[in-house]
């Protein structure tokens, strides 16, 4: 049987292959292989917010789902990417309530959005990771990472902490979460 490899989200970038789509990059926890998964903009935004620790003013779909799970004493045990076909990834989320485990089919972006918020591990079969892995030169410079604050951070450096906090509130209320994450990072850096 195919071995399960634990992965984590390391980057989310604009997709160069599909307009208005994003590439979520998964990397094996105990290795360097990476694998892109194409996801929609709403899911990308939700995942980036969670990774950056930004709380939107109203709960997003993944937040709502995880809150419902907690209300009904359901936990997410794991996410498994079990199939890849023509660029589409298929995933299961395994849930537990008391002694009952239930495996439910889910879009990979939704499964990972739930995993990030609930803290459950994400796995992919070895054969899929091997087949779908990125070569290092395939990786885009457009990633939403802690390191990608270059030009935006420079323009933020001349602003006061109070001004940055006001701009953060405005960015969140306007649902401009990319800017909000940059502002939050600059505020944290100054504290």
Protein backbone atom coordinates (compact mmCIF):
# COMPACT_ATOMS: atom_id res chain seq x y z
CA UNK A 1 0.00 0.00 0.00
CA UNK A 2 1.05 3.58 -0.74
CA UNK A 3 2.74 5.35 2.18
CA UNK A 4 1.14 8.53 3.60
CA UNK A 5 3.50 11.53 3.71
CA UNK A 6 2.69 14.43 6.01
CA UNK A 7 2.72 17.83 4.29
CA UNK A 8 2.14 21.44 5.29
CA UNK A 9 1.17 24.60 3.42
CA UNK A 10 4.30 26.66 2.78
CA UNK A 11 3.11 29.14 0.15
CA UNK A 12 0.08 30.47 -1.67
CA UNK A 13 0.75 32.28 -4.96
CA UNK A 14 -1.06 33.63 -7.98
CA UNK A 15 -1.37 30.81 -10.49
CA UNK A 16 0.55 31.42 -13.69
CA UNK A 17 -1.53 28.75 -15.43
CA UNK A 18 -5.09 29.85 -14.57
CA UNK A 19 -6.43 33.40 -14.30
CA UNK A 20 -8.03 34.27 -10.93
CA UNK A 21 -6.72 31.05 -9.41
CA UNK A 22 -3.97 30.45 -6.90
CA UNK A 23 -1.33 27.77 -6.39
CA UNK A 24 -1.16 26.47 -2.85
CA UNK A 25 2.23 24.83 -2.33
CA UNK A 26 2.42 21.84 0.01
CA UNK A 27 5.80 20.61 1.29
CA UNK A 28 6.55 17.35 3.00
CA UNK A 29 7.17 17.90 6.72
CA UNK A 30 10.28 15.71 6.82
CA UNK A 31 11.71 16.58 3.43
CA UNK A 32 12.00 19.14 0.67
CA UNK A 33 9.58 17.93 -2.00
CA UNK A 34 6.84 20.40 -2.80
CA UNK A 35 3.58 20.01 -4.69
CA UNK A 36 1.26 22.75 -6.06
CA UNK A 37 -2.53 22.53 -5.76
CA UNK A 38 -4.60 25.00 -7.80
CA UNK A 39 -7.35 26.60 -5.68
CA UNK A 40 -9.87 29.42 -6.02
CA UNK A 41 -9.32 32.94 -4.78
CA UNK A 42 -11.81 32.70 -1.88
CA UNK A 43 -10.16 29.53 -0.57
CA UNK A 44 -6.69 31.04 -1.04
CA UNK A 45 -7.72 34.12 0.89
CA UNK A 46 -9.17 32.01 3.71
CA UNK A 47 -6.05 29.85 3.96
CA UNK A 48 -3.66 32.81 3.89
CA UNK A 49 -5.64 34.61 6.61
CA UNK A 50 -5.49 31.55 8.84
CA UNK A 51 -1.77 31.04 8.23
CA UNK A 52 -1.09 34.70 8.99
CA UNK A 53 -3.25 34.64 12.13
CA UNK A 54 -5.64 37.33 10.89
CA UNK A 55 -9.23 37.19 12.17
CA UNK A 56 -11.74 38.67 9.71
CA UNK A 57 -14.58 40.70 11.24
CA UNK A 58 -17.08 37.98 10.27
CA UNK A 59 -16.38 34.24 10.13
CA UNK A 60 -15.42 32.79 6.77
CA UNK A 61 -16.82 29.42 5.66
CA UNK A 62 -13.93 27.38 7.09
CA UNK A 63 -14.19 29.25 10.41
CA UNK A 64 -17.93 28.56 10.54
CA UNK A 65 -17.39 24.87 9.81
CA UNK A 66 -14.75 24.46 12.53
CA UNK A 67 -16.96 26.33 15.01
CA UNK A 68 -19.85 23.96 14.19
CA UNK A 69 -17.53 20.98 14.68
CA UNK A 70 -16.55 22.24 18.12
CA UNK A 71 -20.18 22.91 19.06
CA UNK A 72 -21.10 19.31 18.30
CA UNK A 73 -17.92 17.80 19.81
CA UNK A 74 -16.56 16.68 16.45
CA UNK A 75 -12.84 16.79 15.73
CA UNK A 76 -10.93 16.57 12.47
CA UNK A 77 -8.37 13.75 12.73
CA UNK A 78 -6.62 14.05 9.38
CA UNK A 79 -6.81 15.17 5.78
CA UNK A 80 -5.65 12.76 3.08
CA UNK A 81 -5.06 13.72 -0.54
CA UNK A 82 -5.77 10.33 -2.05
CA UNK A 83 -5.96 10.95 -5.80
CA UNK A 84 -4.73 13.33 -8.51
CA UNK A 85 -6.20 13.27 -11.99
CA UNK A 86 -5.66 15.86 -14.73
CA UNK A 87 -4.58 18.54 -12.25
CA UNK A 88 -7.47 17.94 -9.85
CA UNK A 89 -6.71 16.66 -6.35
CA UNK A 90 -9.18 14.56 -4.35
CA UNK A 91 -9.21 14.53 -0.57
CA UNK A 92 -10.89 13.00 2.44
CA UNK A 93 -11.30 14.56 5.85
CA UNK A 94 -11.55 12.03 8.68
CA UNK A 95 -13.73 13.26 11.53
CA UNK A 96 -14.20 11.78 15.00
CA UNK A 97 -17.12 12.05 17.37
CA UNK A 98 -16.69 9.97 20.50
CA UNK A 99 -15.67 6.50 19.24
CA UNK A 100 -17.00 6.98 15.70
CA UNK A 101 -14.71 7.89 12.81
CA UNK A 102 -16.22 9.13 9.56
CA UNK A 103 -14.36 9.84 6.34
CA UNK A 104 -15.93 12.50 4.09
CA UNK A 105 -14.91 13.46 0.56
CA UNK A 106 -13.96 17.16 0.24
CA UNK A 107 -12.37 19.59 -2.15
CA UNK A 108 -8.69 19.71 -1.26
CA UNK A 109 -8.78 23.47 -0.62
CA UNK A 110 -11.67 23.08 1.83
CA UNK A 111 -10.08 20.07 3.52
CA UNK A 112 -6.86 22.01 4.04
CA UNK A 113 -8.72 25.12 5.21
CA UNK A 114 -10.34 22.95 7.89
CA UNK A 115 -7.05 21.23 8.75
CA UNK A 116 -5.21 24.51 9.27
CA UNK A 117 -7.90 25.81 11.59
CA UNK A 118 -8.38 22.60 13.55
CA UNK A 119 -4.70 21.65 13.75
CA UNK A 120 -5.08 18.21 12.21
CA UNK A 121 -2.33 16.75 10.01
CA UNK A 122 -2.45 16.79 6.20
CA UNK A 123 -1.21 13.75 4.28
CA UNK A 124 -0.67 12.87 0.64
CA UNK A 125 0.16 9.49 -0.79
CA UNK A 126 3.84 9.06 -1.70
CA UNK A 127 3.00 8.22 -5.33
CA UNK A 128 1.04 11.48 -5.75
CA UNK A 129 3.75 13.61 -4.16
CA UNK A 130 6.40 11.95 -6.31
CA UNK A 131 4.41 12.47 -9.52
CA UNK A 132 3.16 16.02 -8.81
CA UNK A 133 6.20 17.53 -7.09
CA UNK A 134 7.62 20.87 -8.19
CA UNK A 135 11.09 21.36 -9.45
CA UNK A 136 12.73 24.26 -7.61
CA UNK A 137 12.80 26.44 -10.76
CA UNK A 138 8.99 26.09 -11.08
CA UNK A 139 8.37 28.08 -7.91
CA UNK A 140 6.94 31.58 -8.48
CA UNK A 141 8.18 34.77 -6.84
CA UNK A 142 4.56 35.79 -6.12
CA UNK A 143 4.14 33.93 -2.82
CA UNK A 144 2.28 35.15 0.23
CA UNK A 145 4.94 34.39 2.81
CA UNK A 146 6.60 36.18 5.66
CA UNK A 147 9.53 36.89 3.34
CA UNK A 148 7.38 38.42 0.57
CA UNK A 149 6.76 41.74 2.27
CA UNK A 150 9.61 43.46 0.34
CA UNK A 151 8.14 46.49 -1.52
CA UNK A 152 5.02 46.80 0.63
CA UNK A 153 7.05 46.85 3.84
CA UNK A 154 9.24 49.61 2.46
CA UNK A 155 6.18 51.80 1.83
CA UNK A 156 4.86 51.02 5.33
CA UNK A 157 8.06 51.87 7.18
CA UNK A 158 7.49 55.64 7.16
CA UNK A 159 4.08 55.35 8.85
CA UNK A 160 3.37 55.54 12.56
CA UNK A 161 2.14 52.53 14.53
CA UNK A 162 -1.22 54.26 15.05
CA UNK A 163 -1.58 54.89 11.31
CA UNK A 164 -0.71 51.28 10.56
CA UNK A 165 -3.37 50.04 13.02
CA UNK A 166 -6.01 52.27 11.40
CA UNK A 167 -5.01 51.01 7.95
CA UNK A 168 -5.19 47.41 9.22
CA UNK A 169 -8.77 47.94 10.47
CA UNK A 170 -9.70 49.51 7.12
CA UNK A 171 -8.08 46.70 5.10
CA UNK A 172 -9.95 44.05 7.12
CA UNK A 173 -13.29 45.86 6.81
CA UNK A 174 -12.73 46.13 3.03
CA UNK A 175 -11.71 42.43 2.95
CA UNK A 176 -8.31 43.33 1.49
CA UNK A 177 -6.64 40.51 3.37
CA UNK A 178 -3.35 40.58 1.47
CA UNK A 179 -2.76 44.17 2.58
CA UNK A 180 -4.06 43.31 6.07
CA UNK A 181 -1.47 40.56 6.42
CA UNK A 182 1.34 42.92 5.39
CA UNK A 183 0.13 45.54 7.86
CA UNK A 184 -0.18 42.99 10.67
CA UNK A 185 3.36 41.78 9.99
CA UNK A 186 4.74 45.33 10.07
CA UNK A 187 2.87 46.09 13.32
CA UNK A 188 4.19 42.86 14.91
CA UNK A 189 7.72 43.65 13.75
CA UNK A 190 7.59 47.04 15.52
CA UNK A 191 6.28 45.75 18.86
